[in-house]
């Protein structure tokens, strides 16, 4: 019952204040993908600029004179000066850097000092060999490390099979600590020298078999690293409430682990895979030298020995840009899987 005022009339009800409008986060403003794209584009541009400057000045620190290597040990001082002028090495560093940048803008990496060929032709001939062992090695890492880490994590959940956990941790840690050039030499000793089932170096007569040992040398260590990460993440996911609930539904094993465990491991696994694939490009330099592989690794070693500035600059620049693009691709895939990695807010 409502009380009346002194005039005997019912007081008019004051309407409740309208609720303040709620701000809907993540619905207004620029798209997270736009900010992500601009940020990554600026980062990629900055990486390219740093790579250009580092590669240009780094090769100038290599001891020795390229003109002497090109002219030969018996060349006179005048001949060496003529070669230096022909190669443009007698110009000031700012002028050389200007010519280098101008060529890069036009897609020209220069000409090799020792082979008198465009660097782009040399790279196009060697790059497929490096990619041909780096990409299959990464695929092998994912195909072996992810199921291996998941299996060990499932079998050792809680306090089960402690011996398996210890053996896996010790063995994977020991193998991942072996340098890849030592692993490459060990594989050659076993499969090429002792068993004589695979060629010890690149062979034109059996090119398919030549890929086996370099791929294994690149993949064995990363398999152990990724498997350890997947095993740890598997243990964390298995203790989550949602997975305990899913286990209570009595689902088949392949469906339980494939639908509720594997997707939770994708973020950490893809992040680690991008880092490992980037490192594989650098490791390929050492592995290719051990196996005499005609890729970028062996090419840069030969270029350093002959002080071939354009080839060194071109190989390092291409490897750096490829590594930056791999990192960008991983970020895009992670953004598609989990939009929270874009840095935006979502309801």
C-alpha atoms as a PDB file:
ATOM      1  CA  UNK A   1       0.000   0.000   0.000  1.00  0.00           C
ATOM      2  CA  UNK A   2       1.381   3.385  -0.961  1.00  0.00           C
ATOM      3  CA  UNK A   3       1.422   6.283   1.564  1.00  0.00           C
ATOM      4  CA  UNK A   4      -0.210   9.625   0.587  1.00  0.00           C
ATOM      5  CA  UNK A   5       1.273  13.132   0.959  1.00  0.00           C
ATOM      6  CA  UNK A   6      -0.333  16.007   2.928  1.00  0.00           C
ATOM      7  CA  UNK A   7      -2.735  16.922   0.098  1.00  0.00           C
ATOM      8  CA  UNK A   8      -4.229  13.445   0.148  1.00  0.00           C
ATOM      9  CA  UNK A   9      -2.922  12.640  -3.282  1.00  0.00           C
ATOM     10  CA  UNK A  10      -0.704   9.821  -4.167  1.00  0.00           C
ATOM     11  CA  UNK A  11       2.768  11.046  -4.956  1.00  0.00           C
ATOM     12  CA  UNK A  12       3.880  10.518  -8.474  1.00  0.00           C
ATOM     13  CA  UNK A  13       6.428   7.803  -8.781  1.00  0.00           C
ATOM     14  CA  UNK A  14       9.809   8.966  -9.899  1.00  0.00           C
ATOM     15  CA  UNK A  15      11.035   6.697 -12.649  1.00  0.00           C
ATOM     16  CA  UNK A  16      14.186   4.761 -11.984  1.00  0.00           C
ATOM     17  CA  UNK A  17      17.265   6.207 -13.604  1.00  0.00           C
ATOM     18  CA  UNK A  18      18.125   4.572 -16.855  1.00  0.00           C
ATOM     19  CA  UNK A  19      21.038   2.208 -16.486  1.00  0.00           C
ATOM     20  CA  UNK A  20      24.306   3.452 -17.849  1.00  0.00           C
ATOM     21  CA  UNK A  21      25.050   1.962 -21.230  1.00  0.00           C
ATOM     22  CA  UNK A  22      27.487  -0.910 -20.998  1.00  0.00           C
ATOM     23  CA  UNK A  23      30.572  -0.688 -23.106  1.00  0.00           C
ATOM     24  CA  UNK A  24      30.872  -3.664 -25.343  1.00  0.00           C
ATOM     25  CA  UNK A  25      34.515  -4.499 -25.479  1.00  0.00           C
ATOM     26  CA  UNK A  26      35.916  -5.925 -28.626  1.00  0.00           C
ATOM     27  CA  UNK A  27      32.907  -4.843 -30.771  1.00  0.00           C
ATOM     28  CA  UNK A  28      33.848  -1.255 -31.528  1.00  0.00           C
ATOM     29  CA  UNK A  29      37.029   0.369 -32.652  1.00  0.00           C
ATOM     30  CA  UNK A  30      39.549  -0.980 -35.119  1.00  0.00           C
ATOM     31  CA  UNK A  31      39.683  -4.676 -35.827  1.00  0.00           C
ATOM     32  CA  UNK A  32      42.332  -6.620 -33.892  1.00  0.00           C
ATOM     33  CA  UNK A  33      43.524  -8.020 -37.205  1.00  0.00           C
ATOM     34  CA  UNK A  34      44.183  -4.490 -38.489  1.00  0.00           C
ATOM     35  CA  UNK A  35      46.353  -3.601 -35.495  1.00  0.00           C
ATOM     36  CA  UNK A  36      48.026  -7.002 -35.713  1.00  0.00           C
ATOM     37  CA  UNK A  37      48.778  -6.575 -39.420  1.00  0.00           C
ATOM     38  CA  UNK A  38      50.213  -3.076 -38.992  1.00  0.00           C
ATOM     39  CA  UNK A  39      52.360  -4.161 -36.065  1.00  0.00           C
ATOM     40  CA  UNK A  40      53.712  -7.225 -37.849  1.00  0.00           C
ATOM     41  CA  UNK A  41      54.277  -5.277 -41.070  1.00  0.00           C
ATOM     42  CA  UNK A  42      56.318  -2.644 -39.259  1.00  0.00           C
ATOM     43  CA  UNK A  43      58.221  -5.395 -37.461  1.00  0.00           C
ATOM     44  CA  UNK A  44      58.989  -7.157 -40.735  1.00  0.00           C
ATOM     45  CA  UNK A  45      60.138  -3.906 -42.328  1.00  0.00           C
ATOM     46  CA  UNK A  46      62.388  -3.174 -39.353  1.00  0.00           C
ATOM     47  CA  UNK A  47      63.833  -6.687 -39.537  1.00  0.00           C
ATOM     48  CA  UNK A  48      64.684  -6.263 -43.215  1.00  0.00           C
ATOM     49  CA  UNK A  49      66.375  -2.911 -42.565  1.00  0.00           C
ATOM     50  CA  UNK A  50      68.464  -4.388 -39.746  1.00  0.00           C
ATOM     51  CA  UNK A  51      69.385  -7.389 -41.884  1.00  0.00           C
ATOM     52  CA  UNK A  52      70.526  -5.170 -44.750  1.00  0.00           C
ATOM     53  CA  UNK A  53      72.749  -3.075 -42.484  1.00  0.00           C
ATOM     54  CA  UNK A  54      74.127  -6.040 -40.543  1.00  0.00           C
ATOM     55  CA  UNK A  55      74.940  -8.099 -43.621  1.00  0.00           C
ATOM     56  CA  UNK A  56      76.623  -5.164 -45.342  1.00  0.00           C
ATOM     57  CA  UNK A  57      78.911  -4.185 -42.472  1.00  0.00           C
ATOM     58  CA  UNK A  58      79.485  -7.717 -41.178  1.00  0.00           C
ATOM     59  CA  UNK A  59      81.147  -9.003 -44.327  1.00  0.00           C
ATOM     60  CA  UNK A  60      83.545  -6.047 -44.247  1.00  0.00           C
ATOM     61  CA  UNK A  61      84.888  -7.397 -40.947  1.00  0.00           C
ATOM     62  CA  UNK A  62      86.098 -10.639 -42.569  1.00  0.00           C
ATOM     63  CA  UNK A  63      89.919 -10.578 -42.593  1.00  0.00           C
ATOM     64  CA  UNK A  64      91.554 -10.308 -45.984  1.00  0.00           C
ATOM     65  CA  UNK A  65      90.987  -8.486 -49.245  1.00  0.00           C
ATOM     66  CA  UNK A  66      88.480  -9.939 -51.732  1.00  0.00           C
ATOM     67  CA  UNK A  67      90.424  -8.354 -54.575  1.00  0.00           C
ATOM     68  CA  UNK A  68      93.448 -10.496 -53.697  1.00  0.00           C
ATOM     69  CA  UNK A  69      91.328 -13.647 -53.747  1.00  0.00           C
ATOM     70  CA  UNK A  70      89.820 -12.748 -57.116  1.00  0.00           C
ATOM     71  CA  UNK A  71      93.079 -11.588 -58.717  1.00  0.00           C
ATOM     72  CA  UNK A  72      95.029 -14.602 -57.488  1.00  0.00           C
ATOM     73  CA  UNK A  73      98.136 -15.004 -55.333  1.00  0.00           C
ATOM     74  CA  UNK A  74     100.518 -14.108 -58.184  1.00  0.00           C
ATOM     75  CA  UNK A  75      98.809 -10.839 -59.151  1.00  0.00           C
ATOM     76  CA  UNK A  76     100.707  -7.577 -59.022  1.00  0.00           C
ATOM     77  CA  UNK A  77      99.656  -4.598 -56.949  1.00  0.00           C
ATOM     78  CA  UNK A  78      98.343  -2.849 -60.046  1.00  0.00           C
ATOM     79  CA  UNK A  79      96.262  -5.859 -61.006  1.00  0.00           C
ATOM     80  CA  UNK A  80      94.846  -6.036 -57.490  1.00  0.00           C
ATOM     81  CA  UNK A  81      93.949  -2.329 -57.624  1.00  0.00           C
ATOM     82  CA  UNK A  82      92.272  -2.825 -60.993  1.00  0.00           C
ATOM     83  CA  UNK A  83      90.200  -5.703 -59.592  1.00  0.00           C
ATOM     84  CA  UNK A  84      89.299  -3.652 -56.551  1.00  0.00           C
ATOM     85  CA  UNK A  85      88.090  -0.826 -58.784  1.00  0.00           C
ATOM     86  CA  UNK A  86      86.189  -3.282 -60.963  1.00  0.00           C
ATOM     87  CA  UNK A  87      84.418  -4.709 -57.923  1.00  0.00           C
ATOM     88  CA  UNK A  88      83.670  -1.244 -56.537  1.00  0.00           C
ATOM     89  CA  UNK A  89      85.686  -1.856 -53.371  1.00  0.00           C
ATOM     90  CA  UNK A  90      87.699   1.335 -53.792  1.00  0.00           C
ATOM     91  CA  UNK A  91      84.633   3.471 -53.108  1.00  0.00           C
ATOM     92  CA  UNK A  92      83.742   4.820 -49.688  1.00  0.00           C
ATOM     93  CA  UNK A  93      81.507   2.683 -47.491  1.00  0.00           C
ATOM     94  CA  UNK A  94      78.493   5.036 -47.774  1.00  0.00           C
ATOM     95  CA  UNK A  95      78.719   4.846 -51.563  1.00  0.00           C
ATOM     96  CA  UNK A  96      78.976   1.053 -51.490  1.00  0.00           C
ATOM     97  CA  UNK A  97      75.988   0.869 -49.126  1.00  0.00           C
ATOM     98  CA  UNK A  98      74.005   3.144 -51.441  1.00  0.00           C
ATOM     99  CA  UNK A  99      74.715   0.914 -54.441  1.00  0.00           C
ATOM    100  CA  UNK A 100      73.813  -2.162 -52.392  1.00  0.00           C
ATOM    101  CA  UNK A 101      70.478  -0.756 -51.230  1.00  0.00           C
ATOM    102  CA  UNK A 102      69.647   0.544 -54.699  1.00  0.00           C
ATOM    103  CA  UNK A 103      70.234  -2.923 -56.106  1.00  0.00           C
ATOM    104  CA  UNK A 104      68.061  -4.537 -53.433  1.00  0.00           C
ATOM    105  CA  UNK A 105      65.196  -2.195 -54.264  1.00  0.00           C
ATOM    106  CA  UNK A 106      65.396  -3.424 -57.852  1.00  0.00           C
ATOM    107  CA  UNK A 107      65.666  -7.064 -56.759  1.00  0.00           C
ATOM    108  CA  UNK A 108      69.365  -7.259 -57.619  1.00  0.00           C
ATOM    109  CA  UNK A 109      71.666  -8.864 -55.055  1.00  0.00           C
ATOM    110  CA  UNK A 110      74.767  -8.139 -57.103  1.00  0.00           C
ATOM    111  CA  UNK A 111      77.219 -10.435 -58.846  1.00  0.00           C
ATOM    112  CA  UNK A 112      79.467 -13.008 -57.237  1.00  0.00           C
ATOM    113  CA  UNK A 113      83.114 -11.930 -56.995  1.00  0.00           C
ATOM    114  CA  UNK A 114      84.514 -15.420 -57.518  1.00  0.00           C
ATOM    115  CA  UNK A 115      81.999 -16.943 -59.943  1.00  0.00           C
ATOM    116  CA  UNK A 116      80.997 -13.857 -61.949  1.00  0.00           C
ATOM    117  CA  UNK A 117      77.329 -14.849 -61.799  1.00  0.00           C
ATOM    118  CA  UNK A 118      74.289 -13.047 -60.402  1.00  0.00           C
ATOM    119  CA  UNK A 119      73.774 -13.906 -56.760  1.00  0.00           C
ATOM    120  CA  UNK A 120      70.076 -14.483 -57.426  1.00  0.00           C
ATOM    121  CA  UNK A 121      70.973 -17.300 -59.840  1.00  0.00           C
ATOM    122  CA  UNK A 122      73.244 -18.923 -57.256  1.00  0.00           C
ATOM    123  CA  UNK A 123      70.588 -18.645 -54.562  1.00  0.00           C
ATOM    124  CA  UNK A 124      67.839 -20.045 -56.788  1.00  0.00           C
ATOM    125  CA  UNK A 125      70.065 -23.047 -57.517  1.00  0.00           C
ATOM    126  CA  UNK A 126      70.947 -23.725 -53.842  1.00  0.00           C
ATOM    127  CA  UNK A 127      67.789 -22.717 -51.965  1.00  0.00           C
ATOM    128  CA  UNK A 128      65.705 -25.761 -53.027  1.00  0.00           C
ATOM    129  CA  UNK A 129      68.301 -28.084 -51.481  1.00  0.00           C
ATOM    130  CA  UNK A 130      68.150 -26.280 -48.131  1.00  0.00           C
ATOM    131  CA  UNK A 131      64.353 -26.138 -48.149  1.00  0.00           C
ATOM    132  CA  UNK A 132      64.314 -29.781 -49.255  1.00  0.00           C
ATOM    133  CA  UNK A 133      65.829 -30.913 -45.948  1.00  0.00           C
ATOM    134  CA  UNK A 134      64.525 -28.205 -43.566  1.00  0.00           C
ATOM    135  CA  UNK A 135      60.805 -28.549 -44.351  1.00  0.00           C
ATOM    136  CA  UNK A 136      60.694 -32.397 -44.285  1.00  0.00           C
ATOM    137  CA  UNK A 137      62.673 -32.290 -41.040  1.00  0.00           C
ATOM    138  CA  UNK A 138      60.062 -29.988 -39.512  1.00  0.00           C
ATOM    139  CA  UNK A 139      57.231 -32.242 -40.702  1.00  0.00           C
ATOM    140  CA  UNK A 140      59.037 -35.235 -39.195  1.00  0.00           C
ATOM    141  CA  UNK A 141      59.418 -33.365 -35.903  1.00  0.00           C
ATOM    142  CA  UNK A 142      55.673 -32.702 -35.687  1.00  0.00           C
ATOM    143  CA  UNK A 143      54.652 -36.202 -36.765  1.00  0.00           C
ATOM    144  CA  UNK A 144      56.903 -37.869 -34.190  1.00  0.00           C
ATOM    145  CA  UNK A 145      57.232 -35.413 -31.305  1.00  0.00           C
ATOM    146  CA  UNK A 146      53.549 -34.554 -30.772  1.00  0.00           C
ATOM    147  CA  UNK A 147      52.239 -38.165 -30.545  1.00  0.00           C
ATOM    148  CA  UNK A 148      55.303 -39.174 -28.519  1.00  0.00           C
ATOM    149  CA  UNK A 149      54.880 -36.367 -26.009  1.00  0.00           C
ATOM    150  CA  UNK A 150      51.135 -36.989 -25.732  1.00  0.00           C
ATOM    151  CA  UNK A 151      51.620 -40.737 -25.220  1.00  0.00           C
ATOM    152  CA  UNK A 152      54.219 -40.267 -22.477  1.00  0.00           C
ATOM    153  CA  UNK A 153      52.066 -37.596 -20.825  1.00  0.00           C
ATOM    154  CA  UNK A 154      49.003 -39.856 -20.815  1.00  0.00           C
ATOM    155  CA  UNK A 155      50.895 -42.925 -19.580  1.00  0.00           C
ATOM    156  CA  UNK A 156      52.636 -41.006 -16.777  1.00  0.00           C
ATOM    157  CA  UNK A 157      49.706 -38.875 -15.589  1.00  0.00           C
ATOM    158  CA  UNK A 158      49.458 -38.583 -11.851  1.00  0.00           C
ATOM    159  CA  UNK A 159      51.970 -40.954 -10.303  1.00  0.00           C
ATOM    160  CA  UNK A 160      51.779 -43.690 -12.910  1.00  0.00           C
ATOM    161  CA  UNK A 161      54.860 -45.247 -14.502  1.00  0.00           C
ATOM    162  CA  UNK A 162      57.394 -42.994 -12.812  1.00  0.00           C
ATOM    163  CA  UNK A 163      60.194 -44.998 -14.401  1.00  0.00           C
ATOM    164  CA  UNK A 164      58.927 -44.104 -17.880  1.00  0.00           C
ATOM    165  CA  UNK A 165      58.828 -40.423 -16.956  1.00  0.00           C
ATOM    166  CA  UNK A 166      62.431 -40.560 -15.692  1.00  0.00           C
ATOM    167  CA  UNK A 167      63.718 -42.514 -18.693  1.00  0.00           C
ATOM    168  CA  UNK A 168      61.953 -40.209 -21.143  1.00  0.00           C
ATOM    169  CA  UNK A 169      63.186 -37.050 -19.403  1.00  0.00           C
ATOM    170  CA  UNK A 170      66.788 -38.260 -19.188  1.00  0.00           C
ATOM    171  CA  UNK A 171      66.925 -39.685 -22.707  1.00  0.00           C
ATOM    172  CA  UNK A 172      65.272 -36.726 -24.441  1.00  0.00           C
ATOM    173  CA  UNK A 173      67.391 -34.243 -22.511  1.00  0.00           C
ATOM    174  CA  UNK A 174      70.587 -36.101 -23.374  1.00  0.00           C
ATOM    175  CA  UNK A 175      69.806 -36.381 -27.091  1.00  0.00           C
ATOM    176  CA  UNK A 176      68.636 -32.749 -27.409  1.00  0.00           C
ATOM    177  CA  UNK A 177      71.937 -31.573 -25.894  1.00  0.00           C
ATOM    178  CA  UNK A 178      74.003 -33.218 -28.649  1.00  0.00           C
ATOM    179  CA  UNK A 179      75.154 -30.613 -31.215  1.00  0.00           C
ATOM    180  CA  UNK A 180      73.751 -31.259 -34.655  1.00  0.00           C
ATOM    181  CA  UNK A 181      77.135 -31.540 -36.320  1.00  0.00           C
ATOM    182  CA  UNK A 182      78.008 -34.282 -33.801  1.00  0.00           C
ATOM    183  CA  UNK A 183      74.665 -35.959 -34.526  1.00  0.00           C
ATOM    184  CA  UNK A 184      75.373 -35.736 -38.259  1.00  0.00           C
ATOM    185  CA  UNK A 185      78.807 -37.299 -37.819  1.00  0.00           C
ATOM    186  CA  UNK A 186      77.342 -40.043 -35.607  1.00  0.00           C
ATOM    187  CA  UNK A 187      74.679 -40.878 -38.212  1.00  0.00           C
ATOM    188  CA  UNK A 188      77.302 -41.054 -40.959  1.00  0.00           C
ATOM    189  CA  UNK A 189      79.411 -43.386 -38.812  1.00  0.00           C
ATOM    190  CA  UNK A 190      76.477 -45.754 -38.203  1.00  0.00           C
ATOM    191  CA  UNK A 191      74.486 -45.777 -41.435  1.00  0.00           C
ATOM    192  CA  UNK A 192      77.152 -44.912 -44.027  1.00  0.00           C
ATOM    193  CA  UNK A 193      80.374 -46.388 -42.638  1.00  0.00           C
ATOM    194  CA  UNK A 194      79.320 -49.284 -40.402  1.00  0.00           C
ATOM    195  CA  UNK A 195      76.080 -50.475 -42.030  1.00  0.00           C
ATOM    196  CA  UNK A 196      76.769 -48.992 -45.502  1.00  0.00           C
ATOM    197  CA  UNK A 197      73.061 -48.585 -46.250  1.00  0.00           C
ATOM    198  CA  UNK A 198      72.991 -44.839 -46.951  1.00  0.00           C
ATOM    199  CA  UNK A 199      75.380 -42.497 -48.786  1.00  0.00           C
ATOM    200  CA  UNK A 200      77.594 -40.364 -46.504  1.00  0.00           C
ATOM    201  CA  UNK A 201      77.205 -37.278 -48.703  1.00  0.00           C
ATOM    202  CA  UNK A 202      75.077 -35.924 -51.509  1.00  0.00           C
ATOM    203  CA  UNK A 203      75.076 -38.324 -54.440  1.00  0.00           C
ATOM    204  CA  UNK A 204      73.668 -37.580 -57.855  1.00  0.00           C
ATOM    205  CA  UNK A 205      73.268 -41.301 -58.526  1.00  0.00           C
ATOM    206  CA  UNK A 206      70.935 -41.773 -55.520  1.00  0.00           C
ATOM    207  CA  UNK A 207      69.549 -38.321 -54.667  1.00  0.00           C
ATOM    208  CA  UNK A 208      66.521 -39.638 -52.758  1.00  0.00           C
ATOM    209  CA  UNK A 209      68.645 -41.669 -50.347  1.00  0.00           C
ATOM    210  CA  UNK A 210      70.946 -38.691 -49.857  1.00  0.00           C
ATOM    211  CA  UNK A 211      68.138 -36.789 -48.136  1.00  0.00           C
ATOM    212  CA  UNK A 212      67.696 -39.305 -45.312  1.00  0.00           C
ATOM    213  CA  UNK A 213      70.735 -38.576 -43.135  1.00  0.00           C
ATOM    214  CA  UNK A 214      70.614 -34.735 -43.380  1.00  0.00           C
ATOM    215  CA  UNK A 215      66.911 -34.763 -42.485  1.00  0.00           C
ATOM    216  CA  UNK A 216      67.539 -37.065 -39.522  1.00  0.00           C
ATOM    217  CA  UNK A 217      70.470 -34.940 -38.352  1.00  0.00           C
ATOM    218  CA  UNK A 218      68.240 -31.870 -38.342  1.00  0.00           C
ATOM    219  CA  UNK A 219      65.202 -33.556 -36.796  1.00  0.00           C
ATOM    220  CA  UNK A 220      66.455 -35.818 -33.987  1.00  0.00           C
ATOM    221  CA  UNK A 221      67.314 -33.056 -31.524  1.00  0.00           C
ATOM    222  CA  UNK A 222      64.178 -30.940 -32.146  1.00  0.00           C
ATOM    223  CA  UNK A 223      62.007 -34.064 -31.801  1.00  0.00           C
ATOM    224  CA  UNK A 224      63.245 -34.461 -28.234  1.00  0.00           C
ATOM    225  CA  UNK A 225      62.750 -30.757 -27.452  1.00  0.00           C
ATOM    226  CA  UNK A 226      59.182 -30.596 -28.785  1.00  0.00           C
ATOM    227  CA  UNK A 227      58.268 -33.939 -27.214  1.00  0.00           C
ATOM    228  CA  UNK A 228      59.357 -32.656 -23.797  1.00  0.00           C
ATOM    229  CA  UNK A 229      57.207 -29.532 -24.217  1.00  0.00           C
ATOM    230  CA  UNK A 230      54.194 -31.550 -25.383  1.00  0.00           C
ATOM    231  CA  UNK A 231      54.609 -33.997 -22.497  1.00  0.00           C
ATOM    232  CA  UNK A 232      54.623 -31.146 -19.959  1.00  0.00           C
ATOM    233  CA  UNK A 233      51.608 -29.431 -21.527  1.00  0.00           C
ATOM    234  CA  UNK A 234      49.783 -32.761 -21.692  1.00  0.00           C
ATOM    235  CA  UNK A 235      50.208 -33.195 -17.961  1.00  0.00           C
ATOM    236  CA  UNK A 236      48.708 -29.762 -17.355  1.00  0.00           C
ATOM    237  CA  UNK A 237      45.708 -30.341 -19.631  1.00  0.00           C
ATOM    238  CA  UNK A 238      44.946 -33.741 -18.099  1.00  0.00           C
ATOM    239  CA  UNK A 239      44.460 -32.104 -14.696  1.00  0.00           C
ATOM    240  CA  UNK A 240      41.955 -29.508 -15.959  1.00  0.00           C
ATOM    241  CA  UNK A 241      38.325 -29.850 -14.855  1.00  0.00           C
ATOM    242  CA  UNK A 242      36.912 -29.884 -18.380  1.00  0.00           C
ATOM    243  CA  UNK A 243      39.121 -32.830 -19.324  1.00  0.00           C
ATOM    244  CA  UNK A 244      38.154 -34.705 -16.172  1.00  0.00           C
ATOM    245  CA  UNK A 245      34.524 -34.199 -17.174  1.00  0.00           C
ATOM    246  CA  UNK A 246      35.197 -35.391 -20.722  1.00  0.00           C
ATOM    247  CA  UNK A 247      36.920 -38.488 -19.365  1.00  0.00           C
ATOM    248  CA  UNK A 248      33.803 -39.231 -17.333  1.00  0.00           C
ATOM    249  CA  UNK A 249      31.784 -39.477 -20.543  1.00  0.00           C
ATOM    250  CA  UNK A 250      33.559 -42.748 -21.372  1.00  0.00           C
ATOM    251  CA  UNK A 251      34.560 -41.594 -24.842  1.00  0.00           C
ATOM    252  CA  UNK A 252      36.857 -43.686 -27.024  1.00  0.00           C
ATOM    253  CA  UNK A 253      40.521 -42.890 -26.506  1.00  0.00           C
ATOM    254  CA  UNK A 254      41.121 -41.507 -30.000  1.00  0.00           C
ATOM    255  CA  UNK A 255      38.163 -39.164 -29.660  1.00  0.00           C
ATOM    256  CA  UNK A 256      38.930 -38.121 -26.093  1.00  0.00           C
ATOM    257  CA  UNK A 257      42.547 -37.215 -26.728  1.00  0.00           C
ATOM    258  CA  UNK A 258      42.089 -36.050 -30.313  1.00  0.00           C
ATOM    259  CA  UNK A 259      39.193 -33.704 -29.569  1.00  0.00           C
ATOM    260  CA  UNK A 260      39.872 -32.477 -26.041  1.00  0.00           C
ATOM    261  CA  UNK A 261      43.639 -32.817 -25.594  1.00  0.00           C
ATOM    262  CA  UNK A 262      45.274 -32.122 -28.957  1.00  0.00           C
ATOM    263  CA  UNK A 263      43.621 -28.707 -29.604  1.00  0.00           C
ATOM    264  CA  UNK A 264      44.835 -27.469 -26.220  1.00  0.00           C
ATOM    265  CA  UNK A 265      48.404 -28.322 -27.222  1.00  0.00           C
ATOM    266  CA  UNK A 266      48.351 -26.533 -30.585  1.00  0.00           C
ATOM    267  CA  UNK A 267      49.289 -23.073 -29.308  1.00  0.00           C
ATOM    268  CA  UNK A 268      52.448 -24.096 -27.470  1.00  0.00           C
ATOM    269  CA  UNK A 269      53.359 -26.661 -30.123  1.00  0.00           C
ATOM    270  CA  UNK A 270      53.028 -24.221 -33.029  1.00  0.00           C
ATOM    271  CA  UNK A 271      54.988 -21.552 -31.181  1.00  0.00           C
ATOM    272  CA  UNK A 272      57.786 -23.992 -30.473  1.00  0.00           C
ATOM    273  CA  UNK A 273      57.652 -25.350 -34.033  1.00  0.00           C
ATOM    274  CA  UNK A 274      58.110 -21.893 -35.524  1.00  0.00           C
ATOM    275  CA  UNK A 275      61.169 -21.268 -33.371  1.00  0.00           C
ATOM    276  CA  UNK A 276      62.621 -24.670 -34.219  1.00  0.00           C
ATOM    277  CA  UNK A 277      62.058 -24.289 -37.972  1.00  0.00           C
ATOM    278  CA  UNK A 278      63.772 -20.910 -37.813  1.00  0.00           C
ATOM    279  CA  UNK A 279      66.728 -22.439 -35.985  1.00  0.00           C
ATOM    280  CA  UNK A 280      66.829 -25.281 -38.510  1.00  0.00           C
ATOM    281  CA  UNK A 281      67.719 -22.803 -41.241  1.00  0.00           C
ATOM    282  CA  UNK A 282      70.819 -21.879 -39.265  1.00  0.00           C
ATOM    283  CA  UNK A 283      71.582 -25.467 -38.326  1.00  0.00           C
ATOM    284  CA  UNK A 284      71.365 -26.452 -41.975  1.00  0.00           C
ATOM    285  CA  UNK A 285      74.582 -24.506 -42.575  1.00  0.00           C
ATOM    286  CA  UNK A 286      76.500 -26.886 -40.309  1.00  0.00           C
ATOM    287  CA  UNK A 287      74.679 -30.040 -41.412  1.00  0.00           C
ATOM    288  CA  UNK A 288      75.150 -29.264 -45.101  1.00  0.00           C
ATOM    289  CA  UNK A 289      78.864 -28.821 -44.540  1.00  0.00           C
ATOM    290  CA  UNK A 290      79.124 -32.266 -42.921  1.00  0.00           C
ATOM    291  CA  UNK A 291      77.240 -33.984 -45.740  1.00  0.00           C
ATOM    292  CA  UNK A 292      78.639 -31.895 -48.604  1.00  0.00           C
ATOM    293  CA  UNK A 293      75.066 -30.828 -49.323  1.00  0.00           C
ATOM    294  CA  UNK A 294      74.819 -28.321 -52.215  1.00  0.00           C
ATOM    295  CA  UNK A 295      72.568 -25.905 -50.326  1.00  0.00           C
ATOM    296  CA  UNK A 296      72.912 -22.440 -48.871  1.00  0.00           C
ATOM    297  CA  UNK A 297      74.977 -23.711 -45.943  1.00  0.00           C
ATOM    298  CA  UNK A 298      77.798 -25.075 -48.057  1.00  0.00           C
ATOM    299  CA  UNK A 299      77.476 -22.046 -50.325  1.00  0.00           C
ATOM    300  CA  UNK A 300      78.051 -19.556 -47.511  1.00  0.00           C
ATOM    301  CA  UNK A 301      81.060 -21.520 -46.221  1.00  0.00           C
ATOM    302  CA  UNK A 302      82.649 -21.419 -49.659  1.00  0.00           C
ATOM    303  CA  UNK A 303      81.805 -17.722 -49.998  1.00  0.00           C
ATOM    304  CA  UNK A 304      83.482 -16.932 -46.656  1.00  0.00           C
ATOM    305  CA  UNK A 305      86.627 -18.770 -47.716  1.00  0.00           C
ATOM    306  CA  UNK A 306      86.796 -16.764 -50.953  1.00  0.00           C
ATOM    307  CA  UNK A 307      85.595 -13.530 -49.269  1.00  0.00           C
ATOM    308  CA  UNK A 308      82.747 -13.283 -51.764  1.00  0.00           C
ATOM    309  CA  UNK A 309      80.845 -10.358 -50.227  1.00  0.00           C
ATOM    310  CA  UNK A 310      77.722 -10.390 -52.450  1.00  0.00           C
ATOM    311  CA  UNK A 311      77.107 -14.121 -51.951  1.00  0.00           C
ATOM    312  CA  UNK A 312      77.516 -13.885 -48.165  1.00  0.00           C
ATOM    313  CA  UNK A 313      75.205 -10.887 -48.015  1.00  0.00           C
ATOM    314  CA  UNK A 314      72.613 -12.532 -50.240  1.00  0.00           C
ATOM    315  CA  UNK A 315      72.498 -15.837 -48.350  1.00  0.00           C
ATOM    316  CA  UNK A 316      72.280 -14.242 -44.893  1.00  0.00           C
ATOM    317  CA  UNK A 317      69.658 -11.777 -46.095  1.00  0.00           C
ATOM    318  CA  UNK A 318      67.506 -14.507 -47.663  1.00  0.00           C
ATOM    319  CA  UNK A 319      67.777 -16.755 -44.594  1.00  0.00           C
ATOM    320  CA  UNK A 320      66.862 -13.837 -42.327  1.00  0.00           C
ATOM    321  CA  UNK A 321      63.828 -12.867 -44.402  1.00  0.00           C
ATOM    322  CA  UNK A 322      62.659 -16.493 -44.598  1.00  0.00           C
ATOM    323  CA  UNK A 323      62.976 -16.797 -40.808  1.00  0.00           C
ATOM    324  CA  UNK A 324      60.967 -13.581 -40.336  1.00  0.00           C
ATOM    325  CA  UNK A 325      58.258 -14.831 -42.707  1.00  0.00           C
ATOM    326  CA  UNK A 326      58.054 -18.139 -40.834  1.00  0.00           C
ATOM    327  CA  UNK A 327      57.577 -16.278 -37.563  1.00  0.00           C
ATOM    328  CA  UNK A 328      54.881 -14.131 -39.189  1.00  0.00           C
ATOM    329  CA  UNK A 329      53.109 -17.205 -40.562  1.00  0.00           C
ATOM    330  CA  UNK A 330      53.112 -18.855 -37.126  1.00  0.00           C
ATOM    331  CA  UNK A 331      51.643 -15.693 -35.577  1.00  0.00           C
ATOM    332  CA  UNK A 332      48.867 -15.653 -38.190  1.00  0.00           C
ATOM    333  CA  UNK A 333      48.012 -19.307 -37.588  1.00  0.00           C
ATOM    334  CA  UNK A 334      47.970 -18.731 -33.824  1.00  0.00           C
ATOM    335  CA  UNK A 335      45.688 -15.738 -34.358  1.00  0.00           C
ATOM    336  CA  UNK A 336      43.254 -17.900 -36.331  1.00  0.00           C
ATOM    337  CA  UNK A 337      43.272 -20.611 -33.665  1.00  0.00           C
ATOM    338  CA  UNK A 338      43.176 -18.314 -30.629  1.00  0.00           C
ATOM    339  CA  UNK A 339      42.172 -14.667 -31.337  1.00  0.00           C
ATOM    340  CA  UNK A 340      43.426 -13.669 -27.890  1.00  0.00           C
ATOM    341  CA  UNK A 341      46.969 -13.845 -29.250  1.00  0.00           C
ATOM    342  CA  UNK A 342      46.170 -10.855 -31.466  1.00  0.00           C
ATOM    343  CA  UNK A 343      46.160  -8.588 -28.425  1.00  0.00           C
ATOM    344  CA  UNK A 344      42.506  -7.592 -28.807  1.00  0.00           C
ATOM    345  CA  UNK A 345      39.663  -7.941 -26.298  1.00  0.00           C
ATOM    346  CA  UNK A 346      36.799 -10.309 -26.852  1.00  0.00           C
ATOM    347  CA  UNK A 347      33.619 -11.070 -24.971  1.00  0.00           C
END
